[in-house]
PDB file of all heavy atoms in Angstrom:
ATOM      1  N   THR A   1     -12.378   6.374  13.818  1.00  0.00           N
ATOM      2  CA  THR A   1     -11.569   5.225  14.193  1.00  0.00           C
ATOM      3  C   THR A   1     -11.404   4.309  12.985  1.00  0.00           C
ATOM      4  O   THR A   1     -12.374   3.993  12.301  1.00  0.00           O
ATOM      5  CB  THR A   1     -12.211   4.455  15.353  1.00  0.00           C
ATOM      6  OG1 THR A   1     -12.341   5.324  16.483  1.00  0.00           O
ATOM      7  CG2 THR A   1     -11.359   3.259  15.736  1.00  0.00           C
ATOM      8  N   PHE A   2     -10.164   3.878  12.748  1.00  0.00           N
ATOM      9  CA  PHE A   2      -9.846   3.073  11.564  1.00  0.00           C
ATOM     10  C   PHE A   2      -9.367   1.678  11.944  1.00  0.00           C
ATOM     11  O   PHE A   2      -8.531   1.100  11.240  1.00  0.00           O
ATOM     12  CB  PHE A   2      -8.784   3.790  10.728  1.00  0.00           C
ATOM     13  CG  PHE A   2      -9.154   5.183  10.337  1.00  0.00           C
ATOM     14  CD1 PHE A   2      -8.680   6.264  11.056  1.00  0.00           C
ATOM     15  CD2 PHE A   2      -9.976   5.415   9.251  1.00  0.00           C
ATOM     16  CE1 PHE A   2      -9.020   7.557  10.704  1.00  0.00           C
ATOM     17  CE2 PHE A   2     -10.328   6.706   8.886  1.00  0.00           C
ATOM     18  CZ  PHE A   2      -9.849   7.783   9.617  1.00  0.00           C
ATOM     19  N   SER A   3      -9.891   1.122  13.008  1.00  0.00           N
ATOM     20  CA  SER A   3      -9.389  -0.136  13.541  1.00  0.00           C
ATOM     21  C   SER A   3      -9.522  -1.322  12.592  1.00  0.00           C
ATOM     22  O   SER A   3      -8.750  -2.279  12.684  1.00  0.00           O
ATOM     23  CB  SER A   3     -10.084  -0.462  14.867  1.00  0.00           C
ATOM     24  OG  SER A   3     -11.492  -0.560  14.688  1.00  0.00           O
ATOM     25  N   SER A   4     -10.479  -1.290  11.695  1.00  0.00           N
ATOM     26  CA  SER A   4     -10.696  -2.398  10.775  1.00  0.00           C
ATOM     27  C   SER A   4     -10.405  -2.030   9.325  1.00  0.00           C
ATOM     28  O   SER A   4     -10.754  -2.779   8.413  1.00  0.00           O
ATOM     29  CB  SER A   4     -12.129  -2.914  10.898  1.00  0.00           C
ATOM     30  OG  SER A   4     -13.060  -1.904  10.561  1.00  0.00           O
ATOM     31  N   TYR A   5      -9.744  -0.912   9.109  1.00  0.00           N
ATOM     32  CA  TYR A   5      -9.468  -0.414   7.768  1.00  0.00           C
ATOM     33  C   TYR A   5      -8.121  -0.903   7.260  1.00  0.00           C
ATOM     34  O   TYR A   5      -7.297  -1.420   8.005  1.00  0.00           O
ATOM     35  CB  TYR A   5      -9.478   1.108   7.755  1.00  0.00           C
ATOM     36  CG  TYR A   5     -10.835   1.744   7.889  1.00  0.00           C
ATOM     37  CD1 TYR A   5     -11.733   1.343   8.864  1.00  0.00           C
ATOM     38  CD2 TYR A   5     -11.219   2.774   7.032  1.00  0.00           C
ATOM     39  CE1 TYR A   5     -12.972   1.945   8.994  1.00  0.00           C
ATOM     40  CE2 TYR A   5     -12.454   3.388   7.160  1.00  0.00           C
ATOM     41  CZ  TYR A   5     -13.323   2.973   8.141  1.00  0.00           C
ATOM     42  OH  TYR A   5     -14.553   3.585   8.269  1.00  0.00           O
ATOM     43  N   THR A   6      -7.910  -0.717   5.968  1.00  0.00           N
ATOM     44  CA  THR A   6      -6.607  -0.911   5.357  1.00  0.00           C
ATOM     45  C   THR A   6      -6.006   0.454   5.050  1.00  0.00           C
ATOM     46  O   THR A   6      -6.679   1.306   4.480  1.00  0.00           O
ATOM     47  CB  THR A   6      -6.710  -1.729   4.070  1.00  0.00           C
ATOM     48  OG1 THR A   6      -7.145  -3.055   4.386  1.00  0.00           O
ATOM     49  CG2 THR A   6      -5.363  -1.809   3.358  1.00  0.00           C
ATOM     50  N   MET A   7      -4.762   0.651   5.442  1.00  0.00           N
ATOM     51  CA  MET A   7      -4.056   1.888   5.137  1.00  0.00           C
ATOM     52  C   MET A   7      -2.908   1.563   4.203  1.00  0.00           C
ATOM     53  O   MET A   7      -2.105   0.678   4.494  1.00  0.00           O
ATOM     54  CB  MET A   7      -3.551   2.560   6.412  1.00  0.00           C
ATOM     55  CG  MET A   7      -4.660   2.987   7.352  1.00  0.00           C
ATOM     56  SD  MET A   7      -4.079   3.928   8.795  1.00  0.00           S
ATOM     57  CE  MET A   7      -3.514   5.443   8.010  1.00  0.00           C
ATOM     58  N   GLY A   8      -2.847   2.281   3.101  1.00  0.00           N
ATOM     59  CA  GLY A   8      -1.862   1.965   2.091  1.00  0.00           C
ATOM     60  C   GLY A   8      -1.117   3.164   1.554  1.00  0.00           C
ATOM     61  O   GLY A   8      -1.452   4.315   1.837  1.00  0.00           O
ATOM     62  N   TRP A   9      -0.076   2.854   0.783  1.00  0.00           N
ATOM     63  CA  TRP A   9       0.742   3.857   0.122  1.00  0.00           C
ATOM     64  C   TRP A   9       0.714   3.643  -1.381  1.00  0.00           C
ATOM     65  O   TRP A   9       0.830   2.507  -1.863  1.00  0.00           O
ATOM     66  CB  TRP A   9       2.192   3.797   0.605  1.00  0.00           C
ATOM     67  CG  TRP A   9       2.386   4.261   2.009  1.00  0.00           C
ATOM     68  CD1 TRP A   9       2.431   3.491   3.132  1.00  0.00           C
ATOM     69  CD2 TRP A   9       2.564   5.609   2.436  1.00  0.00           C
ATOM     70  NE1 TRP A   9       2.628   4.280   4.241  1.00  0.00           N
ATOM     71  CE2 TRP A   9       2.716   5.587   3.835  1.00  0.00           C
ATOM     72  CE3 TRP A   9       2.620   6.840   1.767  1.00  0.00           C
ATOM     73  CZ2 TRP A   9       2.916   6.751   4.588  1.00  0.00           C
ATOM     74  CZ3 TRP A   9       2.810   7.990   2.515  1.00  0.00           C
ATOM     75  CH2 TRP A   9       2.956   7.931   3.907  1.00  0.00           C
ATOM     76  N   PHE A  10       0.572   4.733  -2.098  1.00  0.00           N
ATOM     77  CA  PHE A  10       0.636   4.744  -3.544  1.00  0.00           C
ATOM     78  C   PHE A  10       1.635   5.807  -3.969  1.00  0.00           C
ATOM     79  O   PHE A  10       1.995   6.677  -3.185  1.00  0.00           O
ATOM     80  CB  PHE A  10      -0.735   5.042  -4.150  1.00  0.00           C
ATOM     81  CG  PHE A  10      -1.755   3.967  -3.913  1.00  0.00           C
ATOM     82  CD1 PHE A  10      -2.384   3.847  -2.683  1.00  0.00           C
ATOM     83  CD2 PHE A  10      -2.092   3.078  -4.923  1.00  0.00           C
ATOM     84  CE1 PHE A  10      -3.332   2.859  -2.456  1.00  0.00           C
ATOM     85  CE2 PHE A  10      -3.047   2.091  -4.708  1.00  0.00           C
ATOM     86  CZ  PHE A  10      -3.656   1.979  -3.482  1.00  0.00           C
ATOM     87  N   ARG A  11       2.066   5.744  -5.210  1.00  0.00           N
ATOM     88  CA  ARG A  11       2.966   6.769  -5.713  1.00  0.00           C
ATOM     89  C   ARG A  11       2.671   7.049  -7.180  1.00  0.00           C
ATOM     90  O   ARG A  11       2.155   6.197  -7.900  1.00  0.00           O
ATOM     91  CB  ARG A  11       4.434   6.370  -5.540  1.00  0.00           C
ATOM     92  CG  ARG A  11       4.880   5.185  -6.377  1.00  0.00           C
ATOM     93  CD  ARG A  11       6.292   4.785  -6.010  1.00  0.00           C
ATOM     94  NE  ARG A  11       6.776   3.680  -6.829  1.00  0.00           N
ATOM     95  CZ  ARG A  11       7.932   3.059  -6.643  1.00  0.00           C
ATOM     96  NH1 ARG A  11       8.732   3.436  -5.649  1.00  0.00           N
ATOM     97  NH2 ARG A  11       8.299   2.062  -7.439  1.00  0.00           N
ATOM     98  N   GLN A  12       3.018   8.251  -7.591  1.00  0.00           N
ATOM     99  CA  GLN A  12       2.835   8.640  -8.974  1.00  0.00           C
ATOM    100  C   GLN A  12       4.029   9.470  -9.423  1.00  0.00           C
ATOM    101  O   GLN A  12       4.305  10.526  -8.854  1.00  0.00           O
ATOM    102  CB  GLN A  12       1.545   9.431  -9.170  1.00  0.00           C
ATOM    103  CG  GLN A  12       1.235   9.737 -10.625  1.00  0.00           C
ATOM    104  CD  GLN A  12      -0.159  10.284 -10.821  1.00  0.00           C
ATOM    105  OE1 GLN A  12      -0.766  10.799  -9.889  1.00  0.00           O
ATOM    106  NE2 GLN A  12      -0.674  10.166 -12.026  1.00  0.00           N
ATOM    107  N   ALA A  13       4.722   8.973 -10.425  1.00  0.00           N
ATOM    108  CA  ALA A  13       5.852   9.676 -11.005  1.00  0.00           C
ATOM    109  C   ALA A  13       5.374  10.514 -12.184  1.00  0.00           C
ATOM    110  O   ALA A  13       4.336  10.222 -12.781  1.00  0.00           O
ATOM    111  CB  ALA A  13       6.916   8.685 -11.461  1.00  0.00           C
ATOM    112  N   PRO A  14       6.117  11.559 -12.546  1.00  0.00           N
ATOM    113  CA  PRO A  14       5.720  12.391 -13.684  1.00  0.00           C
ATOM    114  C   PRO A  14       5.532  11.573 -14.952  1.00  0.00           C
ATOM    115  O   PRO A  14       6.397  10.784 -15.322  1.00  0.00           O
ATOM    116  CB  PRO A  14       6.885  13.372 -13.825  1.00  0.00           C
ATOM    117  CG  PRO A  14       7.460  13.458 -12.448  1.00  0.00           C
ATOM    118  CD  PRO A  14       7.336  12.065 -11.898  1.00  0.00           C
ATOM    119  N   GLY A  15       4.399  11.759 -15.605  1.00  0.00           N
ATOM    120  CA  GLY A  15       4.124  11.059 -16.846  1.00  0.00           C
ATOM    121  C   GLY A  15       3.708   9.616 -16.696  1.00  0.00           C
ATOM    122  O   GLY A  15       3.535   8.919 -17.696  1.00  0.00           O
ATOM    123  N   LYS A  16       3.552   9.146 -15.468  1.00  0.00           N
ATOM    124  CA  LYS A  16       3.175   7.762 -15.236  1.00  0.00           C
ATOM    125  C   LYS A  16       1.878   7.669 -14.443  1.00  0.00           C
ATOM    126  O   LYS A  16       1.441   8.635 -13.813  1.00  0.00           O
ATOM    127  CB  LYS A  16       4.286   7.025 -14.489  1.00  0.00           C
ATOM    128  CG  LYS A  16       5.594   6.916 -15.260  1.00  0.00           C
ATOM    129  CD  LYS A  16       6.609   6.087 -14.503  1.00  0.00           C
ATOM    130  CE  LYS A  16       7.895   5.938 -15.290  1.00  0.00           C
ATOM    131  NZ  LYS A  16       8.888   5.122 -14.555  1.00  0.00           N
ATOM    132  N   GLU A  17       1.284   6.497 -14.481  1.00  0.00           N
ATOM    133  CA  GLU A  17       0.064   6.251 -13.731  1.00  0.00           C
ATOM    134  C   GLU A  17       0.377   6.026 -12.259  1.00  0.00           C
ATOM    135  O   GLU A  17       1.478   5.616 -11.889  1.00  0.00           O
ATOM    136  CB  GLU A  17      -0.676   5.041 -14.292  1.00  0.00           C
ATOM    137  CG  GLU A  17      -1.140   5.194 -15.729  1.00  0.00           C
ATOM    138  CD  GLU A  17      -2.195   6.257 -15.874  1.00  0.00           C
ATOM    139  OE1 GLU A  17      -3.051   6.387 -14.969  1.00  0.00           O
ATOM    140  OE2 GLU A  17      -2.180   6.975 -16.888  1.00  0.00           O
ATOM    141  N   ARG A  18      -0.606   6.297 -11.426  1.00  0.00           N
ATOM    142  CA  ARG A  18      -0.464   6.013 -10.009  1.00  0.00           C
ATOM    143  C   ARG A  18      -0.336   4.515  -9.797  1.00  0.00           C
ATOM    144  O   ARG A  18      -1.037   3.723 -10.447  1.00  0.00           O
ATOM    145  CB  ARG A  18      -1.684   6.548  -9.253  1.00  0.00           C
ATOM    146  CG  ARG A  18      -1.616   6.394  -7.747  1.00  0.00           C
ATOM    147  CD  ARG A  18      -2.946   6.788  -7.124  1.00  0.00           C
ATOM    148  NE  ARG A  18      -3.999   5.874  -7.527  1.00  0.00           N
ATOM    149  CZ  ARG A  18      -5.295   6.142  -7.435  1.00  0.00           C
ATOM    150  NH1 ARG A  18      -5.693   7.322  -6.978  1.00  0.00           N
ATOM    151  NH2 ARG A  18      -6.186   5.236  -7.814  1.00  0.00           N
ATOM    152  N   GLU A  19       0.549   4.097  -8.913  1.00  0.00           N
ATOM    153  CA  GLU A  19       0.748   2.685  -8.663  1.00  0.00           C
ATOM    154  C   GLU A  19       0.751   2.372  -7.173  1.00  0.00           C
ATOM    155  O   GLU A  19       1.129   3.198  -6.345  1.00  0.00           O
ATOM    156  CB  GLU A  19       2.051   2.192  -9.300  1.00  0.00           C
ATOM    157  CG  GLU A  19       3.306   2.811  -8.703  1.00  0.00           C
ATOM    158  CD  GLU A  19       4.584   2.214  -9.274  1.00  0.00           C
ATOM    159  OE1 GLU A  19       4.524   1.108  -9.858  1.00  0.00           O
ATOM    160  OE2 GLU A  19       5.643   2.854  -9.141  1.00  0.00           O
ATOM    161  N   PHE A  20       0.334   1.180  -6.868  1.00  0.00           N
ATOM    162  CA  PHE A  20       0.332   0.698  -5.500  1.00  0.00           C
ATOM    163  C   PHE A  20       1.749   0.429  -5.024  1.00  0.00           C
ATOM    164  O   PHE A  20       2.576  -0.086  -5.773  1.00  0.00           O
ATOM    165  CB  PHE A  20      -0.499  -0.585  -5.407  1.00  0.00           C
ATOM    166  CG  PHE A  20      -0.389  -1.285  -4.084  1.00  0.00           C
ATOM    167  CD1 PHE A  20      -1.112  -0.853  -2.986  1.00  0.00           C
ATOM    168  CD2 PHE A  20       0.438  -2.380  -3.942  1.00  0.00           C
ATOM    169  CE1 PHE A  20      -1.014  -1.498  -1.769  1.00  0.00           C
ATOM    170  CE2 PHE A  20       0.547  -3.036  -2.738  1.00  0.00           C
ATOM    171  CZ  PHE A  20      -0.182  -2.592  -1.644  1.00  0.00           C
ATOM    172  N   VAL A  21       2.031   0.769  -3.770  1.00  0.00           N
ATOM    173  CA  VAL A  21       3.350   0.555  -3.197  1.00  0.00           C
ATOM    174  C   VAL A  21       3.309  -0.470  -2.066  1.00  0.00           C
ATOM    175  O   VAL A  21       4.008  -1.481  -2.109  1.00  0.00           O
ATOM    176  CB  VAL A  21       3.957   1.871  -2.678  1.00  0.00           C
ATOM    177  CG1 VAL A  21       5.302   1.609  -2.007  1.00  0.00           C
ATOM    178  CG2 VAL A  21       4.117   2.868  -3.824  1.00  0.00           C
ATOM    179  N   ALA A  22       2.492  -0.201  -1.056  1.00  0.00           N
ATOM    180  CA  ALA A  22       2.430  -1.078   0.104  1.00  0.00           C
ATOM    181  C   ALA A  22       1.182  -0.767   0.909  1.00  0.00           C
ATOM    182  O   ALA A  22       0.598   0.307   0.784  1.00  0.00           O
ATOM    183  CB  ALA A  22       3.675  -0.917   0.987  1.00  0.00           C
ATOM    184  N   ALA A  23       0.769  -1.707   1.751  1.00  0.00           N
ATOM    185  CA  ALA A  23      -0.409  -1.500   2.582  1.00  0.00           C
ATOM    186  C   ALA A  23      -0.367  -2.406   3.802  1.00  0.00           C
ATOM    187  O   ALA A  23       0.315  -3.435   3.810  1.00  0.00           O
ATOM    188  CB  ALA A  23      -1.693  -1.759   1.786  1.00  0.00           C
ATOM    189  N   ILE A  24      -1.108  -2.012   4.813  1.00  0.00           N
ATOM    190  CA  ILE A  24      -1.281  -2.837   6.001  1.00  0.00           C
ATOM    191  C   ILE A  24      -2.761  -2.901   6.322  1.00  0.00           C
ATOM    192  O   ILE A  24      -3.458  -1.886   6.316  1.00  0.00           O
ATOM    193  CB  ILE A  24      -0.466  -2.302   7.198  1.00  0.00           C
ATOM    194  CG1 ILE A  24      -0.650  -3.207   8.419  1.00  0.00           C
ATOM    195  CG2 ILE A  24      -0.830  -0.856   7.516  1.00  0.00           C
ATOM    196  CD1 ILE A  24       0.340  -2.921   9.535  1.00  0.00           C
ATOM    197  N   ASN A  25      -3.242  -4.107   6.574  1.00  0.00           N
ATOM    198  CA  ASN A  25      -4.636  -4.335   6.913  1.00  0.00           C
ATOM    199  C   ASN A  25      -4.749  -4.443   8.428  1.00  0.00           C
ATOM    200  O   ASN A  25      -4.251  -5.402   9.020  1.00  0.00           O
ATOM    201  CB  ASN A  25      -5.144  -5.608   6.241  1.00  0.00           C
ATOM    202  CG  ASN A  25      -6.642  -5.799   6.382  1.00  0.00           C
ATOM    203  OD1 ASN A  25      -7.259  -5.327   7.341  1.00  0.00           O
ATOM    204  ND2 ASN A  25      -7.239  -6.497   5.431  1.00  0.00           N
ATOM    205  N   TRP A  26      -5.393  -3.474   9.046  1.00  0.00           N
ATOM    206  CA  TRP A  26      -5.480  -3.461  10.500  1.00  0.00           C
ATOM    207  C   TRP A  26      -6.279  -4.626  11.059  1.00  0.00           C
ATOM    208  O   TRP A  26      -6.071  -5.028  12.204  1.00  0.00           O
ATOM    209  CB  TRP A  26      -6.098  -2.156  10.987  1.00  0.00           C
ATOM    210  CG  TRP A  26      -5.268  -0.946  10.773  1.00  0.00           C
ATOM    211  CD1 TRP A  26      -5.644   0.211  10.162  1.00  0.00           C
ATOM    212  CD2 TRP A  26      -3.908  -0.738  11.190  1.00  0.00           C
ATOM    213  NE1 TRP A  26      -4.621   1.117  10.166  1.00  0.00           N
ATOM    214  CE2 TRP A  26      -3.542   0.563  10.788  1.00  0.00           C
ATOM    215  CE3 TRP A  26      -2.976  -1.533  11.863  1.00  0.00           C
ATOM    216  CZ2 TRP A  26      -2.275   1.089  11.034  1.00  0.00           C
ATOM    217  CZ3 TRP A  26      -1.710  -1.009  12.092  1.00  0.00           C
ATOM    218  CH2 TRP A  26      -1.381   0.288  11.678  1.00  0.00           C
ATOM    219  N   SER A  27      -7.195  -5.188  10.286  1.00  0.00           N
ATOM    220  CA  SER A  27      -8.038  -6.261  10.790  1.00  0.00           C
ATOM    221  C   SER A  27      -7.260  -7.532  11.080  1.00  0.00           C
ATOM    222  O   SER A  27      -7.629  -8.289  11.984  1.00  0.00           O
ATOM    223  CB  SER A  27      -9.167  -6.555   9.809  1.00  0.00           C
ATOM    224  OG  SER A  27      -8.665  -7.074   8.593  1.00  0.00           O
ATOM    225  N   ASP A  28      -6.201  -7.805  10.326  1.00  0.00           N
ATOM    226  CA  ASP A  28      -5.413  -9.014  10.539  1.00  0.00           C
ATOM    227  C   ASP A  28      -3.912  -8.769  10.608  1.00  0.00           C
ATOM    228  O   ASP A  28      -3.145  -9.708  10.826  1.00  0.00           O
ATOM    229  CB  ASP A  28      -5.719 -10.062   9.468  1.00  0.00           C
ATOM    230  CG  ASP A  28      -5.502  -9.550   8.058  1.00  0.00           C
ATOM    231  OD1 ASP A  28      -4.817  -8.522   7.890  1.00  0.00           O
ATOM    232  OD2 ASP A  28      -6.020 -10.170   7.118  1.00  0.00           O
ATOM    233  N   GLY A  29      -3.483  -7.527  10.403  1.00  0.00           N
ATOM    234  CA  GLY A  29      -2.072  -7.186  10.484  1.00  0.00           C
ATOM    235  C   GLY A  29      -1.259  -7.550   9.265  1.00  0.00           C
ATOM    236  O   GLY A  29      -0.035  -7.365   9.268  1.00  0.00           O
ATOM    237  N   ARG A  30      -1.884  -8.051   8.241  1.00  0.00           N
ATOM    238  CA  ARG A  30      -1.157  -8.448   7.044  1.00  0.00           C
ATOM    239  C   ARG A  30      -0.661  -7.247   6.259  1.00  0.00           C
ATOM    240  O   ARG A  30      -1.302  -6.208   6.212  1.00  0.00           O
ATOM    241  CB  ARG A  30      -2.040  -9.321   6.157  1.00  0.00           C
ATOM    242  CG  ARG A  30      -2.384 -10.667   6.779  1.00  0.00           C
ATOM    243  CD  ARG A  30      -3.298 -11.469   5.884  1.00  0.00           C
ATOM    244  NE  ARG A  30      -3.614 -12.769   6.474  1.00  0.00           N
ATOM    245  CZ  ARG A  30      -4.448 -13.638   5.946  1.00  0.00           C
ATOM    246  NH1 ARG A  30      -5.070 -13.363   4.809  1.00  0.00           N
ATOM    247  NH2 ARG A  30      -4.671 -14.787   6.566  1.00  0.00           N
ATOM    248  N   THR A  31       0.499  -7.416   5.654  1.00  0.00           N
ATOM    249  CA  THR A  31       1.091  -6.369   4.834  1.00  0.00           C
ATOM    250  C   THR A  31       1.225  -6.839   3.399  1.00  0.00           C
ATOM    251  O   THR A  31       1.322  -8.033   3.118  1.00  0.00           O
ATOM    252  CB  THR A  31       2.461  -5.950   5.373  1.00  0.00           C
ATOM    253  OG1 THR A  31       3.322  -7.097   5.446  1.00  0.00           O
ATOM    254  CG2 THR A  31       2.334  -5.346   6.763  1.00  0.00           C
ATOM    255  N   TYR A  32       1.254  -5.882   2.495  1.00  0.00           N
ATOM    256  CA  TYR A  32       1.319  -6.163   1.070  1.00  0.00           C
ATOM    257  C   TYR A  32       2.297  -5.195   0.425  1.00  0.00           C
ATOM    258  O   TYR A  32       2.395  -4.033   0.826  1.00  0.00           O
ATOM    259  CB  TYR A  32      -0.067  -6.015   0.433  1.00  0.00           C
ATOM    260  CG  TYR A  32      -1.136  -6.820   1.132  1.00  0.00           C
ATOM    261  CD1 TYR A  32      -1.822  -6.287   2.222  1.00  0.00           C
ATOM    262  CD2 TYR A  32      -1.455  -8.104   0.710  1.00  0.00           C
ATOM    263  CE1 TYR A  32      -2.795  -7.026   2.875  1.00  0.00           C
ATOM    264  CE2 TYR A  32      -2.428  -8.839   1.361  1.00  0.00           C
ATOM    265  CZ  TYR A  32      -3.094  -8.299   2.438  1.00  0.00           C
ATOM    266  OH  TYR A  32      -4.062  -9.034   3.084  1.00  0.00           O
ATOM    267  N   TYR A  33       3.024  -5.691  -0.591  1.00  0.00           N
ATOM    268  CA  TYR A  33       4.025  -4.877  -1.256  1.00  0.00           C
ATOM    269  C   TYR A  33       4.005  -5.088  -2.754  1.00  0.00           C
ATOM    270  O   TYR A  33       3.770  -6.200  -3.233  1.00  0.00           O
ATOM    271  CB  TYR A  33       5.428  -5.216  -0.744  1.00  0.00           C
ATOM    272  CG  TYR A  33       5.625  -4.954   0.722  1.00  0.00           C
ATOM    273  CD1 TYR A  33       5.437  -5.968   1.650  1.00  0.00           C
ATOM    274  CD2 TYR A  33       6.006  -3.700   1.175  1.00  0.00           C
ATOM    275  CE1 TYR A  33       5.614  -5.728   3.006  1.00  0.00           C
ATOM    276  CE2 TYR A  33       6.187  -3.455   2.525  1.00  0.00           C
ATOM    277  CZ  TYR A  33       5.990  -4.469   3.434  1.00  0.00           C
ATOM    278  OH  TYR A  33       6.171  -4.229   4.774  1.00  0.00           O
ATOM    279  N   ALA A  34       4.274  -4.017  -3.477  1.00  0.00           N
ATOM    280  CA  ALA A  34       4.512  -4.143  -4.903  1.00  0.00           C
ATOM    281  C   ALA A  34       5.853  -4.822  -5.119  1.00  0.00           C
ATOM    282  O   ALA A  34       6.781  -4.677  -4.319  1.00  0.00           O
ATOM    283  CB  ALA A  34       4.505  -2.768  -5.565  1.00  0.00           C
ATOM    284  N   ASP A  35       5.972  -5.572  -6.198  1.00  0.00           N
ATOM    285  CA  ASP A  35       7.218  -6.272  -6.483  1.00  0.00           C
ATOM    286  C   ASP A  35       8.406  -5.320  -6.600  1.00  0.00           C
ATOM    287  O   ASP A  35       9.530  -5.679  -6.246  1.00  0.00           O
ATOM    288  CB  ASP A  35       7.086  -7.076  -7.774  1.00  0.00           C
ATOM    289  CG  ASP A  35       6.181  -8.285  -7.623  1.00  0.00           C
ATOM    290  OD1 ASP A  35       5.957  -8.723  -6.481  1.00  0.00           O
ATOM    291  OD2 ASP A  35       5.703  -8.802  -8.652  1.00  0.00           O
ATOM    292  N   SER A  36       8.157  -4.121  -7.072  1.00  0.00           N
ATOM    293  CA  SER A  36       9.228  -3.163  -7.288  1.00  0.00           C
ATOM    294  C   SER A  36       9.877  -2.666  -6.002  1.00  0.00           C
ATOM    295  O   SER A  36      10.999  -2.160  -6.028  1.00  0.00           O
ATOM    296  CB  SER A  36       8.711  -1.971  -8.095  1.00  0.00           C
ATOM    297  OG  SER A  36       7.652  -1.325  -7.410  1.00  0.00           O
ATOM    298  N   VAL A  37       9.183  -2.804  -4.872  1.00  0.00           N
ATOM    299  CA  VAL A  37       9.717  -2.312  -3.604  1.00  0.00           C
ATOM    300  C   VAL A  37       9.930  -3.414  -2.584  1.00  0.00           C
ATOM    301  O   VAL A  37      10.489  -3.160  -1.511  1.00  0.00           O
ATOM    302  CB  VAL A  37       8.805  -1.228  -2.999  1.00  0.00           C
ATOM    303  CG1 VAL A  37       8.553  -0.113  -3.999  1.00  0.00           C
ATOM    304  CG2 VAL A  37       7.482  -1.827  -2.523  1.00  0.00           C
ATOM    305  N   LYS A  38       9.516  -4.614  -2.888  1.00  0.00           N
ATOM    306  CA  LYS A  38       9.634  -5.730  -1.952  1.00  0.00           C
ATOM    307  C   LYS A  38      11.105  -5.960  -1.595  1.00  0.00           C
ATOM    308  O   LYS A  38      11.966  -6.034  -2.459  1.00  0.00           O
ATOM    309  CB  LYS A  38       9.027  -6.985  -2.565  1.00  0.00           C
ATOM    310  CG  LYS A  38       8.792  -8.125  -1.589  1.00  0.00           C
ATOM    311  CD  LYS A  38       8.024  -9.263  -2.261  1.00  0.00           C
ATOM    312  CE  LYS A  38       6.661  -8.799  -2.758  1.00  0.00           C
ATOM    313  NZ  LYS A  38       5.896  -9.905  -3.395  1.00  0.00           N
ATOM    314  N   GLY A  39      11.365  -6.065  -0.299  1.00  0.00           N
ATOM    315  CA  GLY A  39      12.723  -6.245   0.179  1.00  0.00           C
ATOM    316  C   GLY A  39      13.434  -4.953   0.499  1.00  0.00           C
ATOM    317  O   GLY A  39      14.484  -4.971   1.152  1.00  0.00           O
TER     318      GLY A  39
END
């Protein structure tokens, strides 16, 4: 059960480092976004 966990998305393009994309925190429902994908 992951009721209090954070579930997120990351991505990695060829030749680049892995980067954070977005996440949702189940404990409070808050979401987070990288500036590159916001909106």
